[in-house]
Amino acid sequence: MSSSLSRRAGAFVTACACVAVLANSASAQAKSTGSGFGMGYTDIGPTIGLGGLNGASASFGGRFEHAIKALPDLGNGLLGIQVAASYYSWSSSFVGYSWSYKYIPIGVTANYHFKMSEPKFDPFVGLGLGYNVVSCSFTGAGSTDCGYNSGIYAIARAGARYFFSPSMAAYGDVGAGGGTLNLGLMFKLR
């Protein structure tokens, strides 16, 4: 891992820890109106993505989700709409040629949240579409084609939240999209 990426990852983790401490102390002072993922629930939070990122070692991004509909005929689950965005970059070189790539995958998924007896645990599965914004620079003789283009991609994922408090949860998802594994913290907006 490059030192620049290490510094960025360290700063990101430090910022997440500071936000978590502040959110936890604020939630301790506020009255709890319920816990877990329920109708009308909305959250937002930062994520780090690992794996499936071409030559990059990590992506940085975020998630936003809102629960929009109860599904009593489908196991009493909930339907949530999630928007995800990430950023990652990587470079490669070979005998006098070099390429530099920057990716910004932006996606929307419909997530089915399973009804659980333990409100602190919120597992879900989701399907959706995304658009990958790709920019590339090339140096060397010959073609300037980098081999990658912006375009639409399919998203399939499974994930879960674990609530530390009514207003903060650990978050993780796996599947296809910007990264194979995404980890983060989610903060309840309402």
C-alpha atoms as a PDB file:
ATOM      1  CA  MET A   1       0.000   0.000   0.000  1.00  0.00           C
ATOM      2  CA  SER A   2       1.460   3.397  -0.910  1.00  0.00           C
ATOM      3  CA  SER A   3       2.245   5.898   1.834  1.00  0.00           C
ATOM      4  CA  SER A   4      -0.238   8.389   0.334  1.00  0.00           C
ATOM      5  CA  LEU A   5      -3.026   5.806   0.498  1.00  0.00           C
ATOM      6  CA  SER A   6      -1.939   4.855   4.022  1.00  0.00           C
ATOM      7  CA  ARG A   7      -2.167   8.496   5.116  1.00  0.00           C
ATOM      8  CA  ARG A   8      -5.606   8.895   3.523  1.00  0.00           C
ATOM      9  CA  ALA A   9      -6.865   5.671   5.088  1.00  0.00           C
ATOM     10  CA  GLY A  10      -5.476   6.733   8.490  1.00  0.00           C
ATOM     11  CA  ALA A  11      -7.140  10.148   8.235  1.00  0.00           C
ATOM     12  CA  PHE A  12     -10.432   8.507   7.183  1.00  0.00           C
ATOM     13  CA  VAL A  13     -10.374   6.064  10.109  1.00  0.00           C
ATOM     14  CA  THR A  14      -9.509   8.892  12.543  1.00  0.00           C
ATOM     15  CA  ALA A  15     -12.365  11.031  11.183  1.00  0.00           C
ATOM     16  CA  CYS A  16     -14.806   8.092  11.483  1.00  0.00           C
ATOM     17  CA  ALA A  17     -13.704   7.485  15.069  1.00  0.00           C
ATOM     18  CA  CYS A  18     -14.228  11.174  15.960  1.00  0.00           C
ATOM     19  CA  VAL A  19     -17.678  11.203  14.350  1.00  0.00           C
ATOM     20  CA  ALA A  20     -18.572   7.947  16.151  1.00  0.00           C
ATOM     21  CA  VAL A  21     -17.561   9.358  19.538  1.00  0.00           C
ATOM     22  CA  LEU A  22     -19.542  12.562  18.927  1.00  0.00           C
ATOM     23  CA  ALA A  23     -22.593  10.680  17.652  1.00  0.00           C
ATOM     24  CA  ASN A  24     -22.485   8.267  20.578  1.00  0.00           C
ATOM     25  CA  SER A  25     -22.332  11.074  23.151  1.00  0.00           C
ATOM     26  CA  ALA A  26     -25.101  12.983  21.353  1.00  0.00           C
ATOM     27  CA  SER A  27     -27.314   9.899  21.260  1.00  0.00           C
ATOM     28  CA  ALA A  28     -26.730   9.308  24.975  1.00  0.00           C
ATOM     29  CA  GLN A  29     -28.132  12.792  25.630  1.00  0.00           C
ATOM     30  CA  ALA A  30     -31.105  12.423  23.269  1.00  0.00           C
ATOM     31  CA  LYS A  31     -34.261  10.459  24.009  1.00  0.00           C
ATOM     32  CA  SER A  32     -34.512   7.176  22.102  1.00  0.00           C
ATOM     33  CA  THR A  33     -37.555   6.933  19.820  1.00  0.00           C
ATOM     34  CA  GLY A  34     -36.824   3.362  18.728  1.00  0.00           C
ATOM     35  CA  SER A  35     -33.990   1.151  17.727  1.00  0.00           C
ATOM     36  CA  GLY A  36     -33.052  -0.682  14.589  1.00  0.00           C
ATOM     37  CA  PHE A  37     -34.140  -0.312  10.991  1.00  0.00           C
ATOM     38  CA  GLY A  38     -37.860   0.527  10.794  1.00  0.00           C
ATOM     39  CA  MET A  39     -40.400   2.332   8.648  1.00  0.00           C
ATOM     40  CA  GLY A  40     -39.257   5.866   7.862  1.00  0.00           C
ATOM     41  CA  TYR A  41     -35.699   5.158   9.033  1.00  0.00           C
ATOM     42  CA  THR A  42     -33.030   7.206   7.195  1.00  0.00           C
ATOM     43  CA  ASP A  43     -29.265   7.018   7.613  1.00  0.00           C
ATOM     44  CA  ILE A  44     -26.009   8.148   6.038  1.00  0.00           C
ATOM     45  CA  GLY A  45     -22.389   7.229   6.581  1.00  0.00           C
ATOM     46  CA  PRO A  46     -18.860   6.797   5.237  1.00  0.00           C
ATOM     47  CA  THR A  47     -17.521   3.504   3.845  1.00  0.00           C
ATOM     48  CA  ILE A  48     -14.214   1.958   2.866  1.00  0.00           C
ATOM     49  CA  GLY A  49     -14.328  -0.559   0.002  1.00  0.00           C
ATOM     50  CA  LEU A  50     -11.885  -3.435  -0.426  1.00  0.00           C
ATOM     51  CA  GLY A  51     -11.388  -5.917  -3.269  1.00  0.00           C
ATOM     52  CA  GLY A  52     -12.674  -5.988  -6.829  1.00  0.00           C
ATOM     53  CA  LEU A  53     -11.188  -2.564  -7.557  1.00  0.00           C
ATOM     54  CA  ASN A  54      -8.884  -3.331 -10.498  1.00  0.00           C
ATOM     55  CA  GLY A  55      -5.419  -2.224  -9.330  1.00  0.00           C
ATOM     56  CA  ALA A  56      -6.607  -0.071  -6.392  1.00  0.00           C
ATOM     57  CA  SER A  57      -6.279  -1.312  -2.844  1.00  0.00           C
ATOM     58  CA  ALA A  58      -9.213   0.643  -1.372  1.00  0.00           C
ATOM     59  CA  SER A  59     -12.110   2.934  -2.230  1.00  0.00           C
ATOM     60  CA  PHE A  60     -13.615   5.709  -0.144  1.00  0.00           C
ATOM     61  CA  GLY A  61     -17.275   6.606  -0.272  1.00  0.00           C
ATOM     62  CA  GLY A  62     -20.588   6.633   1.472  1.00  0.00           C
ATOM     63  CA  ARG A  63     -24.088   5.249   1.701  1.00  0.00           C
ATOM     64  CA  PHE A  64     -27.506   6.852   2.186  1.00  0.00           C
ATOM     65  CA  GLU A  65     -30.651   4.776   2.746  1.00  0.00           C
ATOM     66  CA  HIS A  66     -34.315   5.419   3.475  1.00  0.00           C
ATOM     67  CA  ALA A  67     -36.970   2.806   4.392  1.00  0.00           C
ATOM     68  CA  ILE A  68     -39.940   3.454   2.117  1.00  0.00           C
ATOM     69  CA  LYS A  69     -42.398   0.561   2.393  1.00  0.00           C
ATOM     70  CA  ALA A  70     -43.449  -2.248   4.709  1.00  0.00           C
ATOM     71  CA  LEU A  71     -43.762  -5.597   2.946  1.00  0.00           C
ATOM     72  CA  PRO A  72     -46.207  -7.669   5.054  1.00  0.00           C
ATOM     73  CA  ASP A  73     -46.734 -10.226   2.252  1.00  0.00           C
ATOM     74  CA  LEU A  74     -42.966 -10.834   1.960  1.00  0.00           C
ATOM     75  CA  GLY A  75     -42.027 -12.039   5.427  1.00  0.00           C
ATOM     76  CA  ASN A  76     -42.893  -8.727   7.108  1.00  0.00           C
ATOM     77  CA  GLY A  77     -39.690  -7.152   5.781  1.00  0.00           C
ATOM     78  CA  LEU A  78     -39.040  -3.572   4.721  1.00  0.00           C
ATOM     79  CA  LEU A  79     -38.080  -2.046   1.378  1.00  0.00           C
ATOM     80  CA  GLY A  80     -35.302   0.529   1.478  1.00  0.00           C
ATOM     81  CA  ILE A  81     -33.799   2.620  -1.305  1.00  0.00           C
ATOM     82  CA  GLN A  82     -30.041   3.089  -1.021  1.00  0.00           C
ATOM     83  CA  VAL A  83     -27.708   5.446  -2.876  1.00  0.00           C
ATOM     84  CA  ALA A  84     -24.007   4.618  -2.822  1.00  0.00           C
ATOM     85  CA  ALA A  85     -21.010   6.506  -4.191  1.00  0.00           C
ATOM     86  CA  SER A  86     -17.290   5.755  -4.028  1.00  0.00           C
ATOM     87  CA  TYR A  87     -13.962   6.957  -5.373  1.00  0.00           C
ATOM     88  CA  TYR A  88     -10.839   4.987  -6.161  1.00  0.00           C
ATOM     89  CA  SER A  89      -7.827   5.333  -8.419  1.00  0.00           C
ATOM     90  CA  TRP A  90      -4.885   3.261  -9.569  1.00  0.00           C
ATOM     91  CA  SER A  91      -1.937   3.445 -11.956  1.00  0.00           C
ATOM     92  CA  SER A  92       0.112   0.989 -13.960  1.00  0.00           C
ATOM     93  CA  SER A  93       3.152   1.147 -16.203  1.00  0.00           C
ATOM     94  CA  PHE A  94       4.964  -1.078 -18.644  1.00  0.00           C
ATOM     95  CA  VAL A  95       8.158  -0.389 -20.643  1.00  0.00           C
ATOM     96  CA  GLY A  96       7.758   3.342 -21.319  1.00  0.00           C
ATOM     97  CA  TYR A  97       3.958   3.376 -21.102  1.00  0.00           C
ATOM     98  CA  SER A  98       1.876   4.451 -18.128  1.00  0.00           C
ATOM     99  CA  TRP A  99      -1.825   4.634 -17.355  1.00  0.00           C
ATOM    100  CA  SER A 100      -3.653   6.382 -14.547  1.00  0.00           C
ATOM    101  CA  TYR A 101      -7.308   5.611 -13.813  1.00  0.00           C
ATOM    102  CA  LYS A 102      -9.915   7.319 -11.623  1.00  0.00           C
ATOM    103  CA  TYR A 103     -13.302   5.730 -10.914  1.00  0.00           C
ATOM    104  CA  ILE A 104     -16.452   7.153  -9.358  1.00  0.00           C
ATOM    105  CA  PRO A 105     -19.139   4.438  -9.164  1.00  0.00           C
ATOM    106  CA  ILE A 106     -22.587   5.796  -8.241  1.00  0.00           C
ATOM    107  CA  GLY A 107     -25.404   3.316  -7.677  1.00  0.00           C
ATOM    108  CA  VAL A 108     -28.982   2.948  -6.501  1.00  0.00           C
ATOM    109  CA  THR A 109     -30.316  -0.293  -5.012  1.00  0.00           C
ATOM    110  CA  ALA A 110     -33.649  -1.536  -3.747  1.00  0.00           C
ATOM    111  CA  ASN A 111     -32.851  -3.371  -0.497  1.00  0.00           C
ATOM    112  CA  TYR A 112     -35.057  -5.947   1.202  1.00  0.00           C
ATOM    113  CA  HIS A 113     -34.531  -5.801   5.000  1.00  0.00           C
ATOM    114  CA  PHE A 114     -35.427  -9.024   6.805  1.00  0.00           C
ATOM    115  CA  LYS A 115     -37.692  -8.910   9.873  1.00  0.00           C
ATOM    116  CA  MET A 116     -35.539  -9.923  12.863  1.00  0.00           C
ATOM    117  CA  SER A 117     -36.397 -10.644  16.496  1.00  0.00           C
ATOM    118  CA  GLU A 118     -33.172  -8.836  17.515  1.00  0.00           C
ATOM    119  CA  PRO A 119     -33.622  -5.139  16.540  1.00  0.00           C
ATOM    120  CA  LYS A 120     -29.876  -4.427  16.795  1.00  0.00           C
ATOM    121  CA  PHE A 121     -29.168  -6.677  13.791  1.00  0.00           C
ATOM    122  CA  ASP A 122     -30.444  -5.624  10.325  1.00  0.00           C
ATOM    123  CA  PRO A 123     -29.566  -8.022   7.456  1.00  0.00           C
ATOM    124  CA  PHE A 124     -30.553  -7.126   3.893  1.00  0.00           C
ATOM    125  CA  VAL A 125     -30.164  -8.077   0.225  1.00  0.00           C
ATOM    126  CA  GLY A 126     -30.315  -5.634  -2.666  1.00  0.00           C
ATOM    127  CA  LEU A 127     -30.414  -5.282  -6.437  1.00  0.00           C
ATOM    128  CA  GLY A 128     -29.854  -2.184  -8.502  1.00  0.00           C
ATOM    129  CA  LEU A 129     -28.017  -0.287 -11.196  1.00  0.00           C
ATOM    130  CA  GLY A 130     -25.052   2.016 -11.153  1.00  0.00           C
ATOM    131  CA  TYR A 131     -23.063   4.278 -13.417  1.00  0.00           C
ATOM    132  CA  ASN A 132     -19.292   4.136 -13.330  1.00  0.00           C
ATOM    133  CA  VAL A 133     -17.617   7.458 -14.202  1.00  0.00           C
ATOM    134  CA  VAL A 134     -14.126   6.593 -15.498  1.00  0.00           C
ATOM    135  CA  SER A 135     -11.339   9.005 -16.368  1.00  0.00           C
ATOM    136  CA  CYS A 136      -7.988   7.887 -17.678  1.00  0.00           C
ATOM    137  CA  SER A 137      -4.681   9.388 -18.706  1.00  0.00           C
ATOM    138  CA  PHE A 138      -2.071   7.650 -20.853  1.00  0.00           C
ATOM    139  CA  THR A 139       1.568   8.457 -21.605  1.00  0.00           C
ATOM    140  CA  GLY A 140       3.707   6.724 -24.215  1.00  0.00           C
ATOM    141  CA  ALA A 141       3.813   6.266 -27.979  1.00  0.00           C
ATOM    142  CA  GLY A 142       0.858   5.024 -29.979  1.00  0.00           C
ATOM    143  CA  SER A 143      -2.805   4.743 -29.030  1.00  0.00           C
ATOM    144  CA  THR A 144      -4.228   6.836 -26.215  1.00  0.00           C
ATOM    145  CA  ASP A 145      -7.014   4.316 -25.525  1.00  0.00           C
ATOM    146  CA  CYS A 146      -6.899   3.306 -21.868  1.00  0.00           C
ATOM    147  CA  GLY A 147      -9.188   0.304 -22.295  1.00  0.00           C
ATOM    148  CA  TYR A 148     -11.827   1.386 -19.748  1.00  0.00           C
ATOM    149  CA  ASN A 149     -14.940   3.501 -20.325  1.00  0.00           C
ATOM    150  CA  SER A 150     -17.727   4.990 -18.251  1.00  0.00           C
ATOM    151  CA  GLY A 151     -20.903   2.947 -18.266  1.00  0.00           C
ATOM    152  CA  ILE A 152     -23.820   1.276 -16.532  1.00  0.00           C
ATOM    153  CA  TYR A 153     -23.279  -1.761 -14.299  1.00  0.00           C
ATOM    154  CA  ALA A 154     -25.501  -4.154 -12.325  1.00  0.00           C
ATOM    155  CA  ILE A 155     -25.409  -4.263  -8.531  1.00  0.00           C
ATOM    156  CA  ALA A 156     -26.204  -7.289  -6.370  1.00  0.00           C
ATOM    157  CA  ARG A 157     -25.301  -7.218  -2.690  1.00  0.00           C
ATOM    158  CA  ALA A 158     -25.997  -8.621   0.734  1.00  0.00           C
ATOM    159  CA  GLY A 159     -25.201  -6.774   3.921  1.00  0.00           C
ATOM    160  CA  ALA A 160     -26.089  -5.920   7.475  1.00  0.00           C
ATOM    161  CA  ARG A 161     -26.086  -3.219  10.108  1.00  0.00           C
ATOM    162  CA  TYR A 162     -25.363  -3.762  13.765  1.00  0.00           C
ATOM    163  CA  PHE A 163     -26.732  -0.966  15.971  1.00  0.00           C
ATOM    164  CA  PHE A 164     -24.469   0.211  18.806  1.00  0.00           C
ATOM    165  CA  SER A 165     -27.108   2.776  19.750  1.00  0.00           C
ATOM    166  CA  PRO A 166     -30.439   3.914  18.252  1.00  0.00           C
ATOM    167  CA  SER A 167     -28.569   6.489  16.150  1.00  0.00           C
ATOM    168  CA  MET A 168     -25.363   4.665  15.104  1.00  0.00           C
ATOM    169  CA  ALA A 169     -24.623   1.317  13.436  1.00  0.00           C
ATOM    170  CA  ALA A 170     -21.668  -0.596  12.034  1.00  0.00           C
ATOM    171  CA  TYR A 171     -22.291  -1.340   8.361  1.00  0.00           C
ATOM    172  CA  GLY A 172     -21.003  -3.960   5.929  1.00  0.00           C
ATOM    173  CA  ASP A 173     -21.964  -5.260   2.502  1.00  0.00           C
ATOM    174  CA  VAL A 174     -20.541  -7.733  -0.016  1.00  0.00           C
ATOM    175  CA  GLY A 175     -21.293  -8.211  -3.688  1.00  0.00           C
ATOM    176  CA  ALA A 176     -20.909  -6.550  -7.040  1.00  0.00           C
ATOM    177  CA  GLY A 177     -20.496  -2.809  -7.370  1.00  0.00           C
ATOM    178  CA  GLY A 178     -17.637  -0.411  -6.584  1.00  0.00           C
ATOM    179  CA  GLY A 179     -15.961  -2.798  -4.132  1.00  0.00           C
ATOM    180  CA  THR A 180     -16.397  -6.441  -3.172  1.00  0.00           C
ATOM    181  CA  LEU A 181     -16.449  -5.665   0.574  1.00  0.00           C
ATOM    182  CA  ASN A 182     -17.580  -2.318   2.011  1.00  0.00           C
ATOM    183  CA  LEU A 183     -17.333  -1.435   5.704  1.00  0.00           C
ATOM    184  CA  GLY A 184     -18.471   1.726   7.449  1.00  0.00           C
ATOM    185  CA  LEU A 185     -20.477   3.537  10.105  1.00  0.00           C
ATOM    186  CA  MET A 186     -24.054   4.674   9.584  1.00  0.00           C
ATOM    187  CA  PHE A 187     -25.687   7.564  11.409  1.00  0.00           C
ATOM    188  CA  LYS A 188     -29.452   7.881  11.750  1.00  0.00           C
ATOM    189  CA  LEU A 189     -30.917  11.089  10.352  1.00  0.00           C
ATOM    190  CA  ARG A 190     -34.506  10.326  11.417  1.00  0.00           C
END
